[in-house]
Amino acid sequence: MKVSGSTTFYPSVIFYVNVYNLSCFFSVKLIVALYLISQAVYTVLREAEDRSVSPIPVWDLPIWKDISPRQRKVTAALKLVNDTLNNLIAICKVIFSLQ
């Protein structure tokens, strides 16, 4: 894709910066994605804190992962964080290989 002028383009993210009048336009999809990722990170961090002070490791029970709504939420949050990090690593590898 041809990029010219003061436009910066990142794959799968709409991020347009106009340097002349210093205005930034973010798509609603990007803002929602950033919000969901930040919520997932906080969920995983809270779960790590809870696990560090818990006397009984109930999260290791196989059936508990399917029954507990909190564990399902943590599993989904951890999957989102891992997928996001894998995508960012892939983008960095592409950028590094182009240089």
N, C-alpha and C. Protein backbone atom coordinates (compact mmCIF):
# COMPACT_ATOMS: atom_id res chain seq x y z
N MET A 1 0.83 -1.17 0.00
CA MET A 1 0.00 0.00 0.00
C MET A 1 0.88 1.24 0.00
N LYS A 2 0.54 2.20 -0.84
CA LYS A 2 1.34 3.41 -0.96
C LYS A 2 0.92 4.40 0.11
N VAL A 3 1.90 4.87 0.87
CA VAL A 3 1.65 5.83 1.93
C VAL A 3 2.50 7.05 1.63
N SER A 4 1.87 8.22 1.65
CA SER A 4 2.62 9.43 1.34
C SER A 4 2.24 10.54 2.31
N GLY A 5 3.06 11.55 2.35
CA GLY A 5 2.76 12.72 3.16
C GLY A 5 2.93 12.46 4.64
N SER A 6 1.97 12.93 5.42
CA SER A 6 2.06 12.83 6.86
C SER A 6 1.17 11.73 7.42
N THR A 7 0.82 10.78 6.61
CA THR A 7 -0.06 9.70 7.04
C THR A 7 0.77 8.51 7.48
N THR A 8 0.45 7.98 8.65
CA THR A 8 1.08 6.77 9.14
C THR A 8 0.04 5.67 9.11
N PHE A 9 0.36 4.53 8.51
CA PHE A 9 -0.60 3.44 8.38
C PHE A 9 -0.05 2.20 9.05
N TYR A 10 -0.86 1.60 9.93
CA TYR A 10 -0.53 0.34 10.57
C TYR A 10 -1.57 -0.68 10.16
N PRO A 11 -1.18 -1.92 9.88
CA PRO A 11 -2.14 -2.94 9.46
C PRO A 11 -3.19 -3.18 10.54
N SER A 12 -4.42 -3.32 10.12
CA SER A 12 -5.60 -3.62 10.93
C SER A 12 -5.93 -2.55 11.96
N VAL A 13 -5.28 -1.41 11.88
CA VAL A 13 -5.58 -0.32 12.81
C VAL A 13 -5.70 0.96 12.01
N ILE A 14 -6.79 1.66 12.21
CA ILE A 14 -6.97 2.95 11.53
C ILE A 14 -6.41 4.03 12.43
N PHE A 15 -5.29 4.59 12.04
CA PHE A 15 -4.63 5.62 12.83
C PHE A 15 -4.11 6.66 11.86
N TYR A 16 -4.74 7.80 11.84
CA TYR A 16 -4.39 8.85 10.89
C TYR A 16 -3.91 10.07 11.67
N VAL A 17 -2.73 10.51 11.39
CA VAL A 17 -2.19 11.68 12.06
C VAL A 17 -1.87 12.73 11.00
N ASN A 18 -2.46 13.88 11.14
CA ASN A 18 -2.17 14.99 10.26
C ASN A 18 -1.21 15.92 10.99
N VAL A 19 0.02 15.96 10.56
CA VAL A 19 1.05 16.70 11.27
C VAL A 19 0.84 18.21 11.17
N TYR A 20 0.24 18.67 10.10
CA TYR A 20 0.13 20.11 9.89
C TYR A 20 -0.79 20.78 10.90
N ASN A 21 -1.92 20.20 11.22
CA ASN A 21 -2.78 20.84 12.21
C ASN A 21 -2.86 20.05 13.51
N LEU A 22 -1.97 19.05 13.68
CA LEU A 22 -1.82 18.27 14.91
C LEU A 22 -3.13 17.66 15.41
N SER A 23 -3.92 17.13 14.50
CA SER A 23 -5.16 16.47 14.92
C SER A 23 -5.03 14.98 14.71
N CYS A 24 -5.60 14.21 15.61
CA CYS A 24 -5.57 12.76 15.54
C CYS A 24 -6.99 12.23 15.47
N PHE A 25 -7.20 11.27 14.60
CA PHE A 25 -8.51 10.65 14.46
C PHE A 25 -8.36 9.15 14.74
N PHE A 26 -9.06 8.68 15.73
CA PHE A 26 -9.06 7.26 16.05
C PHE A 26 -10.42 6.68 15.70
N SER A 27 -10.42 5.49 15.21
CA SER A 27 -11.70 4.86 14.92
C SER A 27 -12.31 4.35 16.22
N VAL A 28 -13.61 4.25 16.25
CA VAL A 28 -14.32 3.76 17.43
C VAL A 28 -13.91 2.32 17.72
N LYS A 29 -13.66 1.57 16.68
CA LYS A 29 -13.25 0.18 16.84
C LYS A 29 -11.92 0.09 17.59
N LEU A 30 -10.99 0.97 17.29
CA LEU A 30 -9.71 0.98 17.97
C LEU A 30 -9.86 1.33 19.44
N ILE A 31 -10.68 2.32 19.73
CA ILE A 31 -10.89 2.74 21.12
C ILE A 31 -11.53 1.62 21.93
N VAL A 32 -12.50 0.93 21.36
CA VAL A 32 -13.15 -0.19 22.05
C VAL A 32 -12.14 -1.32 22.25
N ALA A 33 -11.32 -1.60 21.25
CA ALA A 33 -10.32 -2.66 21.38
C ALA A 33 -9.32 -2.34 22.48
N LEU A 34 -8.87 -1.09 22.54
CA LEU A 34 -7.93 -0.70 23.60
C LEU A 34 -8.57 -0.81 24.98
N TYR A 35 -9.85 -0.46 25.07
CA TYR A 35 -10.56 -0.57 26.35
C TYR A 35 -10.68 -2.04 26.77
N LEU A 36 -11.04 -2.91 25.83
CA LEU A 36 -11.19 -4.33 26.15
C LEU A 36 -9.85 -4.96 26.55
N ILE A 37 -8.79 -4.58 25.87
CA ILE A 37 -7.47 -5.11 26.22
C ILE A 37 -7.05 -4.64 27.60
N SER A 38 -7.28 -3.37 27.91
CA SER A 38 -6.90 -2.87 29.24
C SER A 38 -7.71 -3.55 30.33
N GLN A 39 -9.00 -3.79 30.09
CA GLN A 39 -9.82 -4.50 31.07
C GLN A 39 -9.33 -5.94 31.25
N ALA A 40 -8.92 -6.58 30.18
CA ALA A 40 -8.41 -7.95 30.26
C ALA A 40 -7.11 -7.99 31.06
N VAL A 41 -6.24 -7.02 30.85
CA VAL A 41 -4.99 -6.98 31.60
C VAL A 41 -5.27 -6.81 33.09
N TYR A 42 -6.17 -5.91 33.45
CA TYR A 42 -6.51 -5.72 34.86
C TYR A 42 -7.16 -6.97 35.45
N THR A 43 -7.97 -7.67 34.69
CA THR A 43 -8.57 -8.91 35.17
C THR A 43 -7.51 -9.96 35.47
N VAL A 44 -6.55 -10.11 34.56
CA VAL A 44 -5.48 -11.08 34.76
C VAL A 44 -4.61 -10.68 35.96
N LEU A 45 -4.32 -9.39 36.11
CA LEU A 45 -3.51 -8.94 37.24
C LEU A 45 -4.23 -9.16 38.57
N ARG A 46 -5.55 -8.89 38.61
CA ARG A 46 -6.32 -9.14 39.83
C ARG A 46 -6.33 -10.62 40.19
N GLU A 47 -6.46 -11.46 39.17
CA GLU A 47 -6.45 -12.91 39.41
C GLU A 47 -5.09 -13.37 39.91
N ALA A 48 -4.03 -12.82 39.39
CA ALA A 48 -2.69 -13.17 39.87
C ALA A 48 -2.52 -12.77 41.33
N GLU A 49 -3.04 -11.61 41.69
CA GLU A 49 -2.98 -11.17 43.08
C GLU A 49 -3.80 -12.09 43.98
N ASP A 50 -5.00 -12.46 43.55
CA ASP A 50 -5.84 -13.36 44.34
C ASP A 50 -5.20 -14.72 44.51
N ARG A 51 -4.57 -15.22 43.45
CA ARG A 51 -3.92 -16.53 43.54
C ARG A 51 -2.70 -16.49 44.46
N SER A 52 -2.03 -15.33 44.53
CA SER A 52 -0.83 -15.26 45.36
C SER A 52 -1.15 -15.28 46.85
N VAL A 53 -2.36 -14.89 47.24
CA VAL A 53 -2.72 -14.86 48.67
C VAL A 53 -3.72 -15.94 49.06
N SER A 54 -4.15 -16.75 48.12
CA SER A 54 -5.12 -17.80 48.39
C SER A 54 -4.46 -18.99 49.07
N PRO A 55 -5.02 -19.47 50.19
CA PRO A 55 -4.41 -20.62 50.87
C PRO A 55 -4.69 -21.95 50.16
N ILE A 56 -5.82 -22.03 49.44
CA ILE A 56 -6.20 -23.26 48.74
C ILE A 56 -6.25 -22.97 47.24
N PRO A 57 -5.49 -23.69 46.41
CA PRO A 57 -5.50 -23.43 44.96
C PRO A 57 -6.70 -24.08 44.26
N VAL A 58 -7.87 -23.46 44.37
CA VAL A 58 -9.08 -24.02 43.77
C VAL A 58 -9.05 -23.91 42.25
N TRP A 59 -8.23 -23.03 41.70
CA TRP A 59 -8.17 -22.86 40.24
C TRP A 59 -7.51 -24.05 39.56
N ASP A 60 -6.83 -24.91 40.32
CA ASP A 60 -6.21 -26.10 39.74
C ASP A 60 -7.19 -27.25 39.54
N LEU A 61 -8.36 -27.17 40.16
CA LEU A 61 -9.36 -28.22 39.99
C LEU A 61 -9.94 -28.14 38.58
N PRO A 62 -9.93 -29.25 37.83
CA PRO A 62 -10.38 -29.22 36.43
C PRO A 62 -11.85 -28.80 36.27
N ILE A 63 -12.72 -29.25 37.15
CA ILE A 63 -14.14 -28.93 37.02
C ILE A 63 -14.42 -27.47 37.39
N TRP A 64 -13.58 -26.91 38.26
CA TRP A 64 -13.80 -25.54 38.73
C TRP A 64 -13.65 -24.52 37.60
N LYS A 65 -12.80 -24.81 36.63
CA LYS A 65 -12.59 -23.89 35.51
C LYS A 65 -13.85 -23.74 34.66
N ASP A 66 -14.68 -24.80 34.63
CA ASP A 66 -15.91 -24.75 33.85
C ASP A 66 -17.09 -24.21 34.64
N ILE A 67 -17.06 -24.36 35.97
CA ILE A 67 -18.20 -23.96 36.80
C ILE A 67 -18.13 -22.48 37.18
N SER A 68 -16.96 -22.03 37.57
CA SER A 68 -16.80 -20.68 38.11
C SER A 68 -16.87 -19.62 37.01
N PRO A 69 -17.79 -18.66 37.15
CA PRO A 69 -17.84 -17.56 36.17
C PRO A 69 -16.57 -16.71 36.19
N ARG A 70 -15.98 -16.56 37.37
CA ARG A 70 -14.76 -15.77 37.48
C ARG A 70 -13.62 -16.43 36.73
N GLN A 71 -13.49 -17.75 36.84
CA GLN A 71 -12.43 -18.45 36.13
C GLN A 71 -12.64 -18.43 34.62
N ARG A 72 -13.89 -18.48 34.19
CA ARG A 72 -14.17 -18.36 32.75
C ARG A 72 -13.79 -16.98 32.25
N LYS A 73 -14.08 -15.95 33.06
CA LYS A 73 -13.72 -14.58 32.68
C LYS A 73 -12.21 -14.42 32.61
N VAL A 74 -11.50 -15.02 33.57
CA VAL A 74 -10.04 -14.94 33.59
C VAL A 74 -9.45 -15.67 32.39
N THR A 75 -10.01 -16.83 32.06
CA THR A 75 -9.52 -17.60 30.91
C THR A 75 -9.71 -16.81 29.62
N ALA A 76 -10.87 -16.18 29.47
CA ALA A 76 -11.13 -15.38 28.27
C ALA A 76 -10.19 -14.16 28.22
N ALA A 77 -9.97 -13.52 29.37
CA ALA A 77 -9.08 -12.36 29.42
C ALA A 77 -7.65 -12.76 29.09
N LEU A 78 -7.21 -13.89 29.61
CA LEU A 78 -5.86 -14.35 29.34
C LEU A 78 -5.68 -14.70 27.87
N LYS A 79 -6.70 -15.28 27.25
CA LYS A 79 -6.64 -15.59 25.82
C LYS A 79 -6.54 -14.30 25.00
N LEU A 80 -7.31 -13.27 25.36
CA LEU A 80 -7.26 -12.00 24.65
C LEU A 80 -5.88 -11.36 24.78
N VAL A 81 -5.32 -11.37 25.98
CA VAL A 81 -3.99 -10.78 26.19
C VAL A 81 -2.94 -11.54 25.38
N ASN A 82 -2.99 -12.87 25.42
CA ASN A 82 -2.02 -13.67 24.67
C ASN A 82 -2.14 -13.45 23.16
N ASP A 83 -3.38 -13.41 22.65
CA ASP A 83 -3.58 -13.17 21.21
C ASP A 83 -3.06 -11.79 20.80
N THR A 84 -3.33 -10.79 21.63
CA THR A 84 -2.87 -9.43 21.34
C THR A 84 -1.34 -9.37 21.32
N LEU A 85 -0.71 -9.99 22.31
CA LEU A 85 0.75 -9.99 22.35
C LEU A 85 1.34 -10.74 21.16
N ASN A 86 0.74 -11.86 20.79
CA ASN A 86 1.22 -12.60 19.61
C ASN A 86 1.10 -11.77 18.34
N ASN A 87 0.00 -11.03 18.19
CA ASN A 87 -0.16 -10.15 17.02
C ASN A 87 0.87 -9.03 17.02
N LEU A 88 1.12 -8.44 18.17
CA LEU A 88 2.11 -7.37 18.25
C LEU A 88 3.52 -7.89 17.96
N ILE A 89 3.83 -9.08 18.44
CA ILE A 89 5.13 -9.67 18.15
C ILE A 89 5.27 -9.95 16.65
N ALA A 90 4.21 -10.43 16.03
CA ALA A 90 4.25 -10.69 14.58
C ALA A 90 4.46 -9.40 13.80
N ILE A 91 3.79 -8.32 14.22
CA ILE A 91 3.96 -7.03 13.55
C ILE A 91 5.39 -6.54 13.72
N CYS A 92 5.96 -6.69 14.92
CA CYS A 92 7.34 -6.26 15.15
C CYS A 92 8.32 -7.07 14.32
N LYS A 93 8.06 -8.37 14.16
CA LYS A 93 8.95 -9.19 13.33
C LYS A 93 8.91 -8.74 11.86
N VAL A 94 7.72 -8.37 11.40
CA VAL A 94 7.60 -7.89 10.01
C VAL A 94 8.33 -6.57 9.85
N ILE A 95 8.14 -5.67 10.79
CA ILE A 95 8.81 -4.36 10.72
C ILE A 95 10.32 -4.54 10.78
N PHE A 96 10.79 -5.42 11.65
CA PHE A 96 12.22 -5.65 11.77
C PHE A 96 12.81 -6.28 10.52
N SER A 97 12.03 -7.18 9.90
CA SER A 97 12.55 -7.82 8.69
C SER A 97 12.58 -6.86 7.51
N LEU A 98 11.77 -5.81 7.51
CA LEU A 98 11.77 -4.83 6.43
C LEU A 98 12.92 -3.84 6.56
N GLN A 99 13.50 -3.73 7.73
CA GLN A 99 14.57 -2.75 7.92
C GLN A 99 15.89 -3.25 7.52
